[in-house]
Amino acid sequence: MTRYTEPITVGVEEEFHIVDAETRHLVPRSGALLRRLPEDRFVPELQRSVVEANSRPFTRLEDLAEELVGLRRTMIRAADGLGLGIAAAGSVPLASEEALKISRDPRYEQMLDEYQVLTREQLICGTQVHAEIDDRDLAVAVAHRLSPWAPVLLALSASSPYWLGRDTGYAAYRPLVWQRWPTAGPMPEFGSAAEYAETIDELVRSGVITDPGMIYFDIRPSDHVPTIELRICDSCPRVGDIVLITGLFRALVARELEAAREEDPRQIRPELVRAATWRAARSGLEDDLVDPEDGTPRPAGDVIRRLVDDLRPELEDAGDWELVAALAREALARGSSSARQREAFARDGRLTDVVDLLLAETRSEEWRPETAGPRDGSKAA
């Protein structure tokens, strides 16, 4: 198979929770915060307790990481002046009815009127990764082909164990909240970009959604830029985890892009992908995942190490091998954010300690792995 050797441009959208610095509860203060931030980089979200930051596109992961650190620094400094804290996580544990406020935007207000409690309960934040694909037909094909690997990337991001003050028992509860939308889940197979567009038009005509932006597949062609977009992941407290996920996603896109160009068929059962997604949401990095290759349960570490090793050709082509391999080792050694949050709570039984952990990790500017990846032919871990 001929590999796609030119690095694919990537960018990231990050969603952040806004909390009161004293109570550590979610607060609907995005308006005040956004007035202190550059309009071209920070935007409101559905909930007034959330702000989104948008990176520029990059080809080097190191440059992307520094951009993400800089955006966080800008937002945190602005929040400090308002007595607010910024937390990057799929969910934060402390919230009250006051936080359940929708941003003042006609589109969001229409969503509230139509979807009711589903809209009000979107107290969640995600990390979205964009990888550039100019050919819309290929973007549609690749988005479907990548479906089996989305749960593995979700596991690496798992950071939403708490929901409205309670431990859910899940490593990532956010996907269970999100998948209630009528167009969420793995992307089906479409024969062309035209067929995909026609389906979106039919969904809009049905009245169930109002615009193409409400296509919420786990991986989808973007509705406004020439990219394929990973949407399944929780927001990540640590920038290094975003860099790891971005590097793996780019390598997967490069691999499947060449397979799609050569019309290498891939049979994907969406019901099995949904099952694997549930497993990843339940387990995170601390238990078994469903292996995308053979559909059997395997320890998360084994699945991720094999994925990194299998993607070594694409990672090397992009110049990402050493960095991604080292970040993967550290992520597996450290465990998921969800596990760290539960450890913080277990010390004294205070959910405020969980929020403090998230605030501290979001504020940290350290993202580089302590060790470089192997330069010889050894495996990633």
Protein backbone atom coordinates (compact mmCIF):
# COMPACT_ATOMS: atom_id res chain seq x y z
CA MET A 1 0.00 0.00 0.00
CA THR A 2 1.32 3.47 -0.90
CA ARG A 3 1.47 5.66 2.21
CA TYR A 4 0.37 9.27 2.47
CA THR A 5 3.75 10.74 3.53
CA GLU A 6 3.05 14.50 3.68
CA PRO A 7 2.06 15.55 7.24
CA ILE A 8 -1.64 16.28 7.48
CA THR A 9 -2.50 19.64 9.01
CA VAL A 10 -4.30 19.34 12.36
CA GLY A 11 -6.10 21.69 14.72
CA VAL A 12 -8.00 21.40 18.00
CA GLU A 13 -11.14 22.84 19.54
CA GLU A 14 -11.19 22.65 23.34
CA GLU A 15 -14.20 23.19 25.58
CA PHE A 16 -13.67 24.36 29.17
CA HIS A 17 -15.88 24.48 32.25
CA ILE A 18 -16.13 27.74 34.22
CA VAL A 19 -16.24 27.31 38.00
CA ASP A 20 -16.39 29.68 40.92
CA ALA A 21 -12.90 29.84 42.42
CA GLU A 22 -14.27 29.66 45.98
CA THR A 23 -17.15 27.19 45.80
CA ARG A 24 -15.74 25.18 42.83
CA HIS A 25 -19.29 24.95 41.44
CA LEU A 26 -20.11 25.49 37.77
CA VAL A 27 -21.23 29.06 37.12
CA PRO A 28 -22.88 30.63 34.01
CA ARG A 29 -20.22 33.35 33.55
CA SER A 30 -19.08 32.81 29.96
CA GLY A 31 -20.30 36.26 28.91
CA ALA A 32 -18.08 38.10 31.39
CA LEU A 33 -15.11 35.90 30.55
CA LEU A 34 -15.49 36.19 26.78
CA ARG A 35 -15.49 39.97 27.00
CA ARG A 36 -11.88 39.69 28.19
CA LEU A 37 -10.78 37.25 25.46
CA PRO A 38 -9.93 37.57 21.75
CA GLU A 39 -13.09 37.03 19.71
CA ASP A 40 -11.28 35.15 16.96
CA ARG A 41 -9.99 32.44 19.29
CA PHE A 42 -12.63 32.04 22.00
CA VAL A 43 -16.35 31.53 21.45
CA PRO A 44 -19.45 30.76 23.52
CA GLU A 45 -20.97 27.32 23.67
CA LEU A 46 -24.45 25.96 24.28
CA GLN A 47 -24.11 26.29 28.06
CA ARG A 48 -23.16 29.59 29.67
CA SER A 49 -20.82 27.65 31.96
CA VAL A 50 -18.62 26.65 29.00
CA VAL A 51 -16.14 28.47 26.74
CA GLU A 52 -14.51 27.05 23.61
CA ALA A 53 -10.96 27.79 22.44
CA ASN A 54 -9.90 27.24 18.83
CA SER A 55 -6.32 26.59 17.76
CA ARG A 56 -4.84 27.47 14.42
CA PRO A 57 -3.92 24.57 12.07
CA PHE A 58 -0.41 23.10 12.41
CA THR A 59 1.70 20.35 10.91
CA ARG A 60 4.04 19.92 13.92
CA LEU A 61 2.53 18.49 17.10
CA GLU A 62 4.99 20.51 19.17
CA ASP A 63 3.68 23.74 17.68
CA LEU A 64 0.09 22.67 18.32
CA ALA A 65 0.93 21.89 21.95
CA GLU A 66 2.48 25.31 22.52
CA GLU A 67 -0.58 26.94 20.95
CA LEU A 68 -2.91 25.04 23.28
CA VAL A 69 -0.80 26.01 26.29
CA GLY A 70 -0.89 29.65 25.20
CA LEU A 71 -4.66 29.66 24.73
CA ARG A 72 -5.14 28.15 28.18
CA ARG A 73 -2.77 30.71 29.70
CA THR A 74 -4.73 33.57 28.14
CA MET A 75 -8.06 32.23 29.36
CA ILE A 76 -6.86 31.40 32.87
CA ARG A 77 -5.38 34.88 33.36
CA ALA A 78 -8.67 36.44 32.33
CA ALA A 79 -10.60 34.08 34.63
CA ASP A 80 -8.32 34.82 37.60
CA GLY A 81 -9.36 38.48 37.39
CA LEU A 82 -13.02 37.48 37.70
CA GLY A 83 -12.66 35.04 40.60
CA LEU A 84 -13.21 32.12 38.24
CA GLY A 85 -11.47 28.83 37.59
CA ILE A 86 -11.05 27.00 34.28
CA ALA A 87 -11.32 23.20 34.16
CA ALA A 88 -10.70 21.00 31.14
CA ALA A 89 -12.60 17.75 31.71
CA GLY A 90 -15.56 15.89 30.29
CA SER A 91 -17.54 16.92 33.37
CA VAL A 92 -16.97 18.55 36.74
CA PRO A 93 -18.64 17.14 39.84
CA LEU A 94 -20.15 20.25 41.43
CA ALA A 95 -23.11 21.84 39.67
CA SER A 96 -26.43 23.35 40.65
CA GLU A 97 -29.60 24.38 38.83
CA GLU A 98 -28.14 27.88 38.46
CA ALA A 99 -25.50 26.51 36.08
CA LEU A 100 -28.14 25.08 33.76
CA LYS A 101 -28.43 28.20 31.62
CA ILE A 102 -28.30 28.33 27.84
CA SER A 103 -26.29 30.97 26.00
CA ARG A 104 -28.32 33.84 24.53
CA ASP A 105 -28.30 32.80 20.91
CA PRO A 106 -31.36 32.13 18.69
CA ARG A 107 -29.98 28.77 17.58
CA TYR A 108 -29.36 27.60 21.15
CA GLU A 109 -32.72 28.91 22.31
CA GLN A 110 -34.42 26.95 19.53
CA MET A 111 -32.51 23.83 20.61
CA LEU A 112 -33.71 24.32 24.18
CA ASP A 113 -37.31 24.66 23.00
CA GLU A 114 -37.06 21.53 20.85
CA TYR A 115 -34.89 19.18 22.93
CA GLN A 116 -35.80 20.37 26.44
CA VAL A 117 -33.98 18.50 29.25
CA LEU A 118 -31.50 17.01 26.77
CA THR A 119 -30.27 20.54 26.05
CA ARG A 120 -30.23 21.65 29.69
CA GLU A 121 -28.19 18.64 30.76
CA GLN A 122 -25.32 19.26 28.34
CA LEU A 123 -22.99 20.22 31.20
CA ILE A 124 -20.15 18.48 29.39
CA CYS A 125 -17.01 19.44 27.53
CA GLY A 126 -15.18 17.72 24.68
CA THR A 127 -11.95 17.91 22.72
CA GLN A 128 -12.42 18.00 18.95
CA VAL A 129 -9.49 17.26 16.65
CA HIS A 130 -9.53 18.33 12.98
CA ALA A 131 -7.36 16.67 10.32
CA GLU A 132 -7.29 18.26 6.88
CA ILE A 133 -8.72 16.32 3.92
CA ASP A 134 -9.49 18.43 0.86
CA ASP A 135 -11.40 15.72 -1.01
CA ARG A 136 -14.94 15.56 0.39
CA ASP A 137 -15.61 12.07 -0.96
CA LEU A 138 -12.50 10.76 0.77
CA ALA A 139 -13.41 12.58 3.98
CA VAL A 140 -16.79 10.84 4.04
CA ALA A 141 -15.18 7.44 3.40
CA VAL A 142 -12.42 7.88 5.98
CA ALA A 143 -14.80 9.10 8.70
CA HIS A 144 -16.69 5.82 8.44
CA ARG A 145 -13.55 3.67 8.19
CA LEU A 146 -12.14 5.17 11.40
CA SER A 147 -15.17 4.27 13.51
CA PRO A 148 -13.68 1.16 15.21
CA TRP A 149 -10.77 3.19 16.63
CA ALA A 150 -12.84 6.02 18.08
CA PRO A 151 -13.51 4.12 21.34
CA VAL A 152 -9.76 3.67 21.93
CA LEU A 153 -9.19 7.41 21.58
CA LEU A 154 -12.13 8.01 23.91
CA ALA A 155 -10.47 5.82 26.56
CA LEU A 156 -7.32 7.93 26.39
CA SER A 157 -9.39 11.04 27.13
CA ALA A 158 -11.69 9.62 29.83
CA SER A 159 -12.22 12.42 32.37
CA SER A 160 -15.92 12.46 33.33
CA PRO A 161 -16.53 10.01 36.19
CA TYR A 162 -18.72 12.43 38.18
CA TRP A 163 -22.11 13.78 37.20
CA LEU A 164 -24.05 16.32 39.27
CA GLY A 165 -22.27 15.37 42.48
CA ARG A 166 -22.25 11.60 42.13
CA ASP A 167 -19.78 8.99 40.97
CA THR A 168 -21.36 7.39 37.91
CA GLY A 169 -19.19 4.26 37.93
CA TYR A 170 -17.99 5.22 34.44
CA ALA A 171 -14.59 6.53 33.41
CA ALA A 172 -16.29 8.71 30.79
CA TYR A 173 -19.95 9.48 31.48
CA ARG A 174 -19.99 12.38 29.02
CA PRO A 175 -20.46 10.09 25.95
CA LEU A 176 -23.58 8.61 27.53
CA VAL A 177 -25.03 12.11 27.94
CA TRP A 178 -23.98 13.08 24.42
CA GLN A 179 -25.25 9.98 22.63
CA ARG A 180 -28.85 10.86 23.40
CA TRP A 181 -28.80 13.33 20.49
CA PRO A 182 -30.64 11.87 17.48
CA THR A 183 -27.60 12.09 15.17
CA ALA A 184 -24.86 10.93 17.57
CA GLY A 185 -22.84 7.72 17.35
CA PRO A 186 -20.65 6.04 14.73
CA MET A 187 -20.91 7.46 11.23
CA PRO A 188 -22.72 5.14 8.79
CA GLU A 189 -21.27 4.22 5.41
CA PHE A 190 -22.06 6.54 2.51
CA GLY A 191 -21.14 5.93 -1.11
CA SER A 192 -20.13 9.54 -1.77
CA ALA A 193 -20.11 13.06 -0.42
CA ALA A 194 -23.26 13.70 -2.46
CA GLU A 195 -25.08 10.85 -0.72
CA TYR A 196 -23.90 12.12 2.66
CA ALA A 197 -25.14 15.65 1.84
CA GLU A 198 -28.46 14.29 0.66
CA THR A 199 -28.92 12.42 3.93
CA ILE A 200 -28.21 15.59 5.91
CA ASP A 201 -30.76 17.45 3.81
CA GLU A 202 -33.32 14.73 4.53
CA LEU A 203 -32.65 15.00 8.26
CA VAL A 204 -33.12 18.77 8.13
CA ARG A 205 -36.34 18.36 6.12
CA SER A 206 -37.57 15.90 8.73
CA GLY A 207 -37.47 18.65 11.33
CA VAL A 208 -35.46 16.53 13.75
CA ILE A 209 -32.38 18.75 13.27
CA THR A 210 -32.22 22.34 12.08
CA ASP A 211 -28.85 22.52 10.27
CA PRO A 212 -25.80 20.45 9.21
CA GLY A 213 -23.95 21.51 12.36
CA MET A 214 -26.23 19.17 14.32
CA ILE A 215 -24.73 16.07 12.73
CA TYR A 216 -22.98 14.76 15.81
CA PHE A 217 -21.26 11.59 14.62
CA ASP A 218 -18.24 10.46 16.67
CA ILE A 219 -16.06 11.20 13.63
CA ARG A 220 -17.48 13.31 10.81
CA PRO A 221 -16.51 15.52 7.91
CA SER A 222 -16.63 19.07 9.23
CA ASP A 223 -19.64 21.08 8.09
CA HIS A 224 -17.62 24.30 7.54
CA VAL A 225 -13.92 23.51 6.90
CA PRO A 226 -12.17 20.86 4.70
CA THR A 227 -11.36 18.51 7.54
CA ILE A 228 -12.38 15.27 9.18
CA GLU A 229 -13.29 15.85 12.82
CA LEU A 230 -12.85 13.58 15.86
CA ARG A 231 -15.66 14.46 18.29
CA ILE A 232 -15.93 11.55 20.71
CA CYS A 233 -13.24 12.55 23.22
CA ASP A 234 -13.71 14.15 26.62
CA SER A 235 -11.89 17.38 27.30
CA CYS A 236 -8.43 16.55 28.63
CA PRO A 237 -6.93 18.25 31.69
CA ARG A 238 -3.39 17.58 30.45
CA VAL A 239 -2.27 19.06 27.13
CA GLY A 240 0.03 16.07 26.59
CA ASP A 241 -3.00 13.78 26.30
CA ILE A 242 -4.47 16.01 23.59
CA VAL A 243 -1.17 15.88 21.70
CA LEU A 244 -1.14 12.08 21.99
CA ILE A 245 -4.72 11.73 20.73
CA THR A 246 -4.06 14.19 17.90
CA GLY A 247 -0.95 12.32 16.80
CA LEU A 248 -2.74 8.97 16.80
CA PHE A 249 -5.76 10.41 15.02
CA ARG A 250 -3.60 11.96 12.31
CA ALA A 251 -1.78 8.67 11.79
CA LEU A 252 -5.07 6.77 11.58
CA VAL A 253 -6.40 9.29 9.06
CA ALA A 254 -3.26 8.93 6.94
CA ARG A 255 -3.51 5.14 6.99
CA GLU A 256 -7.20 4.98 6.16
CA LEU A 257 -6.87 7.72 3.56
CA GLU A 258 -4.54 5.56 1.51
CA ALA A 259 -6.72 2.48 2.03
CA ALA A 260 -9.79 4.41 0.86
CA ARG A 261 -7.92 5.71 -2.19
CA GLU A 262 -6.98 2.16 -3.13
CA GLU A 263 -10.57 1.03 -2.48
CA ASP A 264 -9.48 -1.42 0.19
CA PRO A 265 -12.86 -2.58 1.57
CA ARG A 266 -13.58 -2.56 5.30
CA GLN A 267 -16.66 -4.12 6.84
CA ILE A 268 -17.80 -2.16 9.89
CA ARG A 269 -20.72 -3.15 12.11
CA PRO A 270 -22.03 0.03 13.80
CA GLU A 271 -23.68 -1.97 16.59
CA LEU A 272 -20.28 -3.43 17.50
CA VAL A 273 -18.73 0.04 17.46
CA ARG A 274 -21.46 1.26 19.80
CA ALA A 275 -20.74 -1.65 22.14
CA ALA A 276 -17.02 -0.88 22.07
CA THR A 277 -17.78 2.77 22.82
CA TRP A 278 -19.80 1.78 25.89
CA ARG A 279 -16.93 -0.42 27.03
CA ALA A 280 -14.42 2.41 26.65
CA ALA A 281 -16.71 4.82 28.51
CA ARG A 282 -17.07 2.30 31.34
CA SER A 283 -13.44 1.24 31.58
CA GLY A 284 -11.20 4.09 30.47
CA LEU A 285 -7.59 2.94 30.75
CA GLU A 286 -8.13 0.89 33.89
CA ASP A 287 -9.80 -2.23 32.45
CA ASP A 288 -10.42 -4.03 29.17
CA LEU A 289 -11.25 -2.37 25.87
CA VAL A 290 -12.70 -4.04 22.80
CA ASP A 291 -9.81 -4.66 20.42
CA PRO A 292 -10.69 -2.98 17.09
CA GLU A 293 -8.81 -5.67 15.17
CA ASP A 294 -10.67 -8.78 16.34
CA GLY A 295 -13.52 -7.54 18.56
CA THR A 296 -12.30 -9.33 21.70
CA PRO A 297 -11.71 -7.82 25.16
CA ARG A 298 -8.08 -6.98 25.93
CA PRO A 299 -6.39 -4.84 28.58
CA ALA A 300 -6.44 -1.20 27.56
CA GLY A 301 -2.66 -0.98 27.72
CA ASP A 302 -2.25 -3.86 25.28
CA VAL A 303 -4.72 -2.33 22.81
CA ILE A 304 -3.07 1.09 22.92
CA ARG A 305 0.49 -0.21 22.71
CA ARG A 306 -0.39 -2.30 19.67
CA LEU A 307 -2.14 0.65 18.04
CA VAL A 308 0.93 2.84 18.50
CA ASP A 309 3.21 0.15 17.11
CA ASP A 310 0.93 -0.56 14.15
CA LEU A 311 0.89 3.15 13.31
CA ARG A 312 4.66 3.52 13.47
CA PRO A 313 5.09 3.96 9.68
CA GLU A 314 2.55 6.79 9.58
CA LEU A 315 3.90 8.34 12.79
CA GLU A 316 7.43 8.30 11.41
CA ASP A 317 6.27 9.83 8.13
CA ALA A 318 4.80 12.75 10.09
CA GLY A 319 7.82 13.02 12.41
CA ASP A 320 5.65 12.04 15.39
CA TRP A 321 6.95 8.58 16.36
CA GLU A 322 9.21 9.41 19.30
CA LEU A 323 6.85 11.99 20.79
CA VAL A 324 3.69 9.89 20.46
CA ALA A 325 5.36 6.71 21.70
CA ALA A 326 6.67 8.52 24.78
CA LEU A 327 3.33 10.20 25.48
CA ALA A 328 1.55 6.85 25.18
CA ARG A 329 3.90 5.26 27.71
CA GLU A 330 3.34 8.11 30.14
CA ALA A 331 -0.44 8.07 29.69
CA LEU A 332 -0.59 4.35 30.45
CA ALA A 333 1.74 4.68 33.43
CA ARG A 334 -0.24 7.62 34.86
CA GLY A 335 -3.70 6.21 34.23
CA SER A 336 -6.81 8.06 33.14
CA SER A 337 -7.93 11.42 34.46
CA SER A 338 -10.96 9.62 35.87
CA ALA A 339 -8.75 7.39 38.01
CA ARG A 340 -6.79 10.41 39.26
CA GLN A 341 -10.04 12.21 40.13
CA ARG A 342 -11.26 9.25 42.14
CA GLU A 343 -7.94 9.07 43.96
CA ALA A 344 -8.26 12.76 44.85
CA PHE A 345 -11.76 12.18 46.23
CA ALA A 346 -10.75 9.06 48.17
CA ARG A 347 -8.17 10.94 50.24
CA ASP A 348 -10.70 13.03 52.22
CA GLY A 349 -14.06 12.44 50.57
CA ARG A 350 -14.33 15.99 49.16
CA LEU A 351 -15.49 16.73 45.65
CA THR A 352 -13.82 20.13 45.93
CA ASP A 353 -10.51 18.26 45.90
CA VAL A 354 -11.50 16.74 42.56
CA VAL A 355 -12.18 20.19 41.12
CA ASP A 356 -8.90 21.48 42.53
CA LEU A 357 -7.05 18.66 40.78
CA LEU A 358 -8.71 19.53 37.47
CA LEU A 359 -7.95 23.24 37.90
CA ALA A 360 -4.30 22.50 38.65
CA GLU A 361 -3.84 20.11 35.71
CA THR A 362 -5.58 22.54 33.35
CA ARG A 363 -3.29 25.34 34.53
CA SER A 364 -0.11 23.29 34.17
CA GLU A 365 2.00 24.18 31.15
CA GLU A 366 4.02 20.96 31.26
CA TRP A 367 3.17 18.69 28.36
CA ARG A 368 6.44 17.22 27.10
CA PRO A 369 7.14 13.58 28.02
CA GLU A 370 10.05 12.98 30.34
CA THR A 371 11.61 10.38 28.03
CA ALA A 372 12.04 10.28 24.30
CA GLY A 373 10.63 7.44 22.21
CA PRO A 374 12.87 4.60 21.05
CA ARG A 375 15.15 5.40 18.13
CA ASP A 376 15.85 1.80 17.22
CA GLY A 377 13.45 -0.89 16.10
CA SER A 378 12.02 -1.59 19.54
CA LYS A 379 8.35 -1.33 20.32
CA ALA A 380 6.57 1.63 21.85
CA ALA A 381 6.50 0.12 25.34
